[in-house]
């Protein structure tokens, strides 16, 4: 793109330079003709040719057909040579400019890539350190839960154990995902959204106890990274389960153009509203799939729709 822009500017510069050279050339020729009229013995430069008959030549241009009854022709070879020299100089400067800018771009790109690699290594170290500490923390909590089960078994301990197993499974899943990224194994695939919704509902089964769950799930597949889609569905369904009072309704369908995930829930007035970070994260994850997220709160209900456009075959 830069090369094309420079070439266009050079073409314009050559055109303007040609007009300037021709204007100076014709002005100089007219001056010599006036000198020839004033002085009969004046010898014009070689590019001015005076003849009683028309002359033929590739570079000859008729300048004055009635100069003392003779024809005056100008040899444009001089002008063409000047223009060629100017164009060559301009080309050499253009090549120097393009090579210089290419070198500068190359150095900036190398610097950016080095910075990016350093940032990636730093984030990887932070993530590994965090995952190590989290793994140690989970191991400690597992031991504490086992002690509590032996000393004072109760429903509270059972809930702690279920929460622990959920966190442990999510931790292992995250570590597998990180390992997959490092090995370059993560690929887009046709993710079954219906099975994904069912899997998330199984993880959130405890929060659904005592609530009415209405499902209308049709088969729908979305081309995406599985981890992204699972995170989107988990955040949306968890939000509905967490803030619902008695009812959650989830429907899934598709047509030739898009897949639509629709979630409704009533609102528990005793639950404090969240910060909205989860929905913002869903929106950001869905941007790469051109996903449209819409939600509204009306008459004690929270209604949300998530639309994934499908590529045309």
Protein backbone atom coordinates (compact mmCIF):
# COMPACT_ATOMS: atom_id res chain seq x y z
CA UNK A 1 0.00 0.00 0.00
CA UNK A 2 2.84 2.37 0.85
CA UNK A 3 4.64 1.48 -2.38
CA UNK A 4 1.50 2.21 -4.42
CA UNK A 5 1.04 5.57 -2.70
CA UNK A 6 4.66 6.57 -3.34
CA UNK A 7 4.39 5.46 -6.99
CA UNK A 8 1.29 7.60 -7.51
CA UNK A 9 3.04 10.62 -6.01
CA UNK A 10 6.06 10.00 -8.24
CA UNK A 11 3.84 9.79 -11.34
CA UNK A 12 2.28 13.15 -10.44
CA UNK A 13 5.71 14.65 -9.80
CA UNK A 14 6.97 13.46 -13.22
CA UNK A 15 3.92 14.95 -14.95
CA UNK A 16 4.44 18.33 -13.29
CA UNK A 17 8.18 18.24 -13.99
CA UNK A 18 7.49 17.47 -17.65
CA UNK A 19 5.23 20.52 -17.91
CA UNK A 20 7.91 22.69 -16.32
CA UNK A 21 10.64 21.35 -18.64
CA UNK A 22 8.49 21.83 -21.75
CA UNK A 23 7.55 25.34 -20.70
CA UNK A 24 11.22 26.27 -20.18
CA UNK A 25 12.22 24.50 -23.43
CA UNK A 26 9.64 26.32 -25.54
CA UNK A 27 10.48 29.63 -23.89
CA UNK A 28 14.16 29.14 -24.65
CA UNK A 29 13.38 28.20 -28.30
CA UNK A 30 11.22 31.32 -28.74
CA UNK A 31 14.10 33.45 -27.40
CA UNK A 32 16.52 31.92 -29.93
CA UNK A 33 14.08 32.59 -32.78
CA UNK A 34 13.86 36.25 -31.77
CA UNK A 35 17.65 36.40 -31.78
CA UNK A 36 17.70 34.86 -35.30
CA UNK A 37 15.28 37.50 -36.53
CA UNK A 38 17.33 40.30 -34.97
CA UNK A 39 20.69 38.99 -36.19
CA UNK A 40 20.99 37.26 -39.51
CA UNK A 41 24.28 35.56 -38.60
CA UNK A 42 22.95 34.10 -35.31
CA UNK A 43 23.42 30.33 -35.04
CA UNK A 44 20.69 28.58 -33.00
CA UNK A 45 21.47 25.56 -30.81
CA UNK A 46 21.41 22.12 -32.51
CA UNK A 47 17.94 21.19 -31.23
CA UNK A 48 16.41 24.05 -33.32
CA UNK A 49 16.19 23.00 -36.94
CA UNK A 50 15.13 25.46 -39.68
CA UNK A 51 14.15 24.03 -43.04
CA UNK A 52 12.38 25.10 -46.20
CA UNK A 53 10.63 21.71 -46.31
CA UNK A 54 8.88 19.72 -43.60
CA UNK A 55 11.22 17.36 -41.76
CA UNK A 56 10.47 13.88 -40.55
CA UNK A 57 11.82 12.44 -37.34
CA UNK A 58 10.68 10.58 -34.24
CA UNK A 59 11.63 13.38 -31.87
CA UNK A 60 10.96 16.37 -34.16
CA UNK A 61 8.05 18.65 -33.25
CA UNK A 62 6.85 21.54 -35.44
CA UNK A 63 7.31 24.76 -33.51
CA UNK A 64 6.80 27.58 -36.06
CA UNK A 65 5.54 26.88 -39.62
CA UNK A 66 6.05 30.48 -40.86
CA UNK A 67 9.43 31.64 -39.65
CA UNK A 68 10.67 33.83 -42.53
CA UNK A 69 8.85 31.44 -44.89
CA UNK A 70 10.53 28.41 -43.40
CA UNK A 71 9.63 25.62 -41.01
CA UNK A 72 11.08 25.53 -37.51
CA UNK A 73 11.29 22.16 -35.78
CA UNK A 74 12.42 21.33 -32.26
CA UNK A 75 14.33 18.16 -31.51
CA UNK A 76 12.66 16.82 -28.35
CA UNK A 77 15.41 14.27 -27.69
CA UNK A 78 16.96 16.70 -25.21
CA UNK A 79 13.70 17.04 -23.31
CA UNK A 80 13.13 13.28 -23.30
CA UNK A 81 16.65 12.71 -21.99
CA UNK A 82 16.11 15.18 -19.16
CA UNK A 83 12.81 13.52 -18.25
CA UNK A 84 14.41 10.06 -18.29
CA UNK A 85 17.20 11.25 -16.00
CA UNK A 86 14.65 12.85 -13.66
CA UNK A 87 12.51 9.69 -13.62
CA UNK A 88 15.59 7.55 -12.92
CA UNK A 89 16.64 9.78 -10.03
CA UNK A 90 13.11 9.73 -8.68
CA UNK A 91 12.98 5.95 -8.95
CA UNK A 92 16.27 5.58 -7.09
CA UNK A 93 15.02 7.86 -4.31
CA UNK A 94 11.74 5.95 -4.23
CA UNK A 95 13.59 2.64 -3.92
CA UNK A 96 15.76 4.09 -1.14
CA UNK A 97 12.68 5.41 0.65
CA UNK A 98 10.78 2.10 0.36
CA UNK A 99 13.79 0.09 1.52
CA UNK A 100 14.37 2.46 4.44
CA UNK A 101 10.73 2.32 5.53
CA UNK A 102 10.72 -1.47 5.11
CA UNK A 103 13.79 -1.73 7.32
CA UNK A 104 12.23 0.55 9.95
CA UNK A 105 9.00 -1.50 9.83
CA UNK A 106 11.03 -4.71 10.16
CA UNK A 107 12.87 -3.40 13.23
CA UNK A 108 9.62 -2.20 14.83
CA UNK A 109 7.98 -5.56 14.10
CA UNK A 110 10.91 -7.44 15.65
CA UNK A 111 10.75 -5.20 18.72
CA UNK A 112 7.00 -5.75 19.02
CA UNK A 113 7.38 -9.52 18.67
CA UNK A 114 10.13 -9.60 21.31
CA UNK A 115 7.97 -7.56 23.68
CA UNK A 116 5.03 -9.84 23.00
CA UNK A 117 7.13 -12.92 23.68
CA UNK A 118 8.43 -11.44 26.94
CA UNK A 119 4.88 -10.60 28.02
CA UNK A 120 3.73 -14.11 27.11
CA UNK A 121 6.53 -15.68 29.14
CA UNK A 122 5.76 -13.42 32.10
CA UNK A 123 2.03 -14.22 32.02
CA UNK A 124 2.83 -17.91 31.70
CA UNK A 125 5.02 -17.75 34.80
CA UNK A 126 2.33 -15.88 36.72
CA UNK A 127 -0.28 -18.41 35.63
CA UNK A 128 1.91 -21.36 36.59
CA UNK A 129 2.66 -19.84 39.99
CA UNK A 130 -1.03 -19.13 40.59
CA UNK A 131 -2.10 -22.60 39.49
CA UNK A 132 0.54 -24.16 41.75
CA UNK A 133 -0.71 -22.21 44.77
CA UNK A 134 -4.33 -22.96 43.90
CA UNK A 135 -3.54 -26.65 43.56
CA UNK A 136 -1.90 -26.65 47.00
CA UNK A 137 -4.90 -24.81 48.44
CA UNK A 138 -7.33 -27.35 46.98
CA UNK A 139 -5.27 -30.23 48.36
CA UNK A 140 -5.39 -28.65 51.83
CA UNK A 141 -9.15 -28.13 51.63
CA UNK A 142 -9.65 -31.73 50.56
CA UNK A 143 -7.83 -32.89 53.67
CA UNK A 144 -9.91 -30.52 55.84
CA UNK A 145 -13.15 -31.83 54.32
CA UNK A 146 -12.11 -35.43 55.00
CA UNK A 147 -11.44 -34.54 58.65
CA UNK A 148 -14.82 -32.78 58.93
CA UNK A 149 -16.61 -35.79 57.44
CA UNK A 150 -15.16 -38.04 60.11
CA UNK A 151 -15.74 -35.73 63.05
CA UNK A 152 -19.08 -34.05 62.30
CA UNK A 153 -20.82 -35.30 59.16
CA UNK A 154 -23.64 -32.97 58.14
CA UNK A 155 -25.41 -31.51 55.13
CA UNK A 156 -23.11 -28.45 55.33
CA UNK A 157 -20.04 -30.67 55.01
CA UNK A 158 -21.68 -32.44 52.08
CA UNK A 159 -22.21 -29.13 50.33
CA UNK A 160 -18.61 -28.19 51.02
CA UNK A 161 -17.51 -31.48 49.47
CA UNK A 162 -19.66 -30.94 46.39
CA UNK A 163 -18.30 -27.41 46.00
CA UNK A 164 -14.78 -28.73 46.37
CA UNK A 165 -15.30 -31.41 43.70
CA UNK A 166 -16.70 -28.78 41.36
CA UNK A 167 -13.70 -26.48 41.91
CA UNK A 168 -11.31 -29.39 41.49
CA UNK A 169 -12.91 -30.45 38.21
CA UNK A 170 -12.80 -26.86 36.93
CA UNK A 171 -9.16 -26.55 37.99
CA UNK A 172 -8.19 -29.73 36.15
CA UNK A 173 -10.14 -28.62 33.13
CA UNK A 174 -8.37 -25.26 33.12
CA UNK A 175 -4.96 -26.91 33.39
CA UNK A 176 -5.82 -29.23 30.50
CA UNK A 177 -6.88 -26.21 28.48
CA UNK A 178 -3.60 -24.41 29.25
CA UNK A 179 -1.62 -27.50 28.28
CA UNK A 180 -3.57 -27.71 25.05
CA UNK A 181 -2.79 -24.10 24.20
CA UNK A 182 0.91 -24.63 24.89
CA UNK A 183 0.96 -27.70 22.67
CA UNK A 184 -1.02 -25.99 19.93
CA UNK A 185 -3.81 -28.55 20.19
CA UNK A 186 -6.76 -26.18 20.62
CA UNK A 187 -8.80 -26.01 17.42
CA UNK A 188 -12.20 -24.79 16.38
CA UNK A 189 -14.84 -27.48 16.11
CA UNK A 190 -18.58 -27.94 15.64
CA UNK A 191 -19.66 -27.70 19.28
CA UNK A 192 -23.01 -29.26 20.21
CA UNK A 193 -24.64 -26.41 22.10
CA UNK A 194 -27.47 -28.60 23.39
CA UNK A 195 -25.09 -30.98 25.12
CA UNK A 196 -23.12 -28.03 26.44
CA UNK A 197 -26.25 -26.58 28.07
CA UNK A 198 -27.10 -29.95 29.60
CA UNK A 199 -23.58 -30.30 30.99
CA UNK A 200 -23.72 -26.87 32.59
CA UNK A 201 -27.13 -27.62 34.11
CA UNK A 202 -25.63 -30.74 35.66
CA UNK A 203 -22.89 -28.66 37.27
CA UNK A 204 -25.48 -26.21 38.63
CA UNK A 205 -27.96 -28.85 39.80
CA UNK A 206 -27.62 -27.85 43.45
CA UNK A 207 -28.62 -24.25 42.70
CA UNK A 208 -31.69 -25.49 40.80
CA UNK A 209 -33.09 -27.45 43.74
CA UNK A 210 -36.59 -26.24 44.56
CA UNK A 211 -36.87 -24.28 41.32
CA UNK A 212 -38.87 -25.03 38.20
CA UNK A 213 -36.69 -25.67 35.15
CA UNK A 214 -38.33 -25.51 31.72
CA UNK A 215 -36.23 -26.75 28.82
CA UNK A 216 -36.81 -26.65 25.08
CA UNK A 217 -33.52 -27.69 23.53
CA UNK A 218 -33.15 -28.53 19.86
CA UNK A 219 -29.96 -29.79 18.29
CA UNK A 220 -27.69 -26.89 17.31
CA UNK A 221 -24.00 -26.82 16.52
CA UNK A 222 -21.80 -23.75 16.50
CA UNK A 223 -18.29 -23.57 14.96
CA UNK A 224 -16.20 -22.31 17.88
CA UNK A 225 -13.50 -23.07 20.39
CA UNK A 226 -15.15 -25.44 22.86
CA UNK A 227 -13.68 -23.66 25.89
CA UNK A 228 -15.13 -20.31 24.74
CA UNK A 229 -18.59 -21.72 24.18
CA UNK A 230 -18.63 -23.62 27.47
CA UNK A 231 -17.59 -20.47 29.32
CA UNK A 232 -20.31 -18.41 27.61
CA UNK A 233 -23.04 -20.94 28.40
CA UNK A 234 -21.84 -21.44 31.98
CA UNK A 235 -21.83 -17.70 32.73
CA UNK A 236 -25.30 -17.16 31.23
CA UNK A 237 -26.96 -20.15 32.89
CA UNK A 238 -25.22 -19.54 36.22
CA UNK A 239 -26.47 -15.95 36.14
CA UNK A 240 -30.06 -17.14 35.58
CA UNK A 241 -29.87 -19.80 38.31
CA UNK A 242 -28.20 -17.52 40.83
CA UNK A 243 -30.67 -14.64 40.56
CA UNK A 244 -33.87 -16.60 39.95
CA UNK A 245 -36.58 -17.04 42.59
CA UNK A 246 -38.61 -20.04 41.42
CA UNK A 247 -38.33 -20.49 37.66
CA UNK A 248 -35.72 -20.75 34.91
CA UNK A 249 -36.60 -21.27 31.26
CA UNK A 250 -33.98 -22.15 28.62
CA UNK A 251 -34.71 -22.66 24.92
CA UNK A 252 -32.34 -23.43 22.09
CA UNK A 253 -33.07 -23.43 18.36
CA UNK A 254 -31.60 -22.68 14.99
CA UNK A 255 -32.50 -21.82 11.42
CA UNK A 256 -30.47 -21.40 8.25
CA UNK A 257 -28.91 -18.15 9.45
CA UNK A 258 -28.29 -18.38 13.20
CA UNK A 259 -28.41 -20.33 16.44
CA UNK A 260 -30.45 -18.72 19.23
CA UNK A 261 -30.05 -19.42 22.95
CA UNK A 262 -32.89 -17.86 24.94
CA UNK A 263 -32.86 -17.71 28.76
CA UNK A 264 -35.56 -16.34 31.07
CA UNK A 265 -35.79 -16.27 34.84
CA UNK A 266 -37.83 -14.56 37.51
CA UNK A 267 -35.89 -12.33 39.91
CA UNK A 268 -35.30 -13.06 43.59
CA UNK A 269 -35.66 -9.67 45.32
CA UNK A 270 -33.50 -10.83 48.23
CA UNK A 271 -30.44 -11.49 46.04
CA UNK A 272 -28.24 -8.47 45.50
CA UNK A 273 -27.61 -7.63 41.84
CA UNK A 274 -24.16 -8.41 40.49
CA UNK A 275 -21.56 -6.10 38.96
CA UNK A 276 -22.28 -7.17 35.37
CA UNK A 277 -18.75 -8.48 34.86
CA UNK A 278 -20.06 -11.90 33.80
CA UNK A 279 -22.22 -10.49 31.01
CA UNK A 280 -19.39 -8.25 29.89
CA UNK A 281 -17.10 -11.27 29.73
CA UNK A 282 -19.72 -13.14 27.68
CA UNK A 283 -19.92 -10.22 25.26
CA UNK A 284 -16.15 -10.11 24.87
CA UNK A 285 -15.85 -13.86 24.32
CA UNK A 286 -18.65 -13.75 21.76
CA UNK A 287 -17.14 -10.94 19.69
CA UNK A 288 -14.88 -13.34 17.79
CA UNK A 289 -17.99 -15.28 16.67
CA UNK A 290 -20.03 -12.14 15.80
CA UNK A 291 -22.40 -13.14 18.60
CA UNK A 292 -25.24 -10.75 19.47
CA UNK A 293 -26.18 -10.53 23.14
CA UNK A 294 -29.39 -8.81 24.23
CA UNK A 295 -31.01 -8.71 27.65
CA UNK A 296 -33.59 -6.72 29.55
CA UNK A 297 -35.34 -6.71 32.87
CA UNK A 298 -39.09 -6.26 32.87
CA UNK A 299 -41.96 -6.99 35.29
CA UNK A 300 -39.81 -9.03 37.66
CA UNK A 301 -38.26 -11.09 34.83
CA UNK A 302 -34.82 -11.16 33.29
CA UNK A 303 -34.87 -12.05 29.58
CA UNK A 304 -31.71 -12.77 27.62
CA UNK A 305 -31.04 -13.90 24.06
CA UNK A 306 -27.75 -14.97 22.58
CA UNK A 307 -27.51 -15.25 18.77
CA UNK A 308 -24.68 -16.97 16.88
CA UNK A 309 -24.71 -16.23 13.13
CA UNK A 310 -23.88 -19.20 10.92
CA UNK A 311 -21.62 -18.90 7.90
CA UNK A 312 -23.26 -19.40 4.55
CA UNK A 313 -22.26 -22.59 2.82
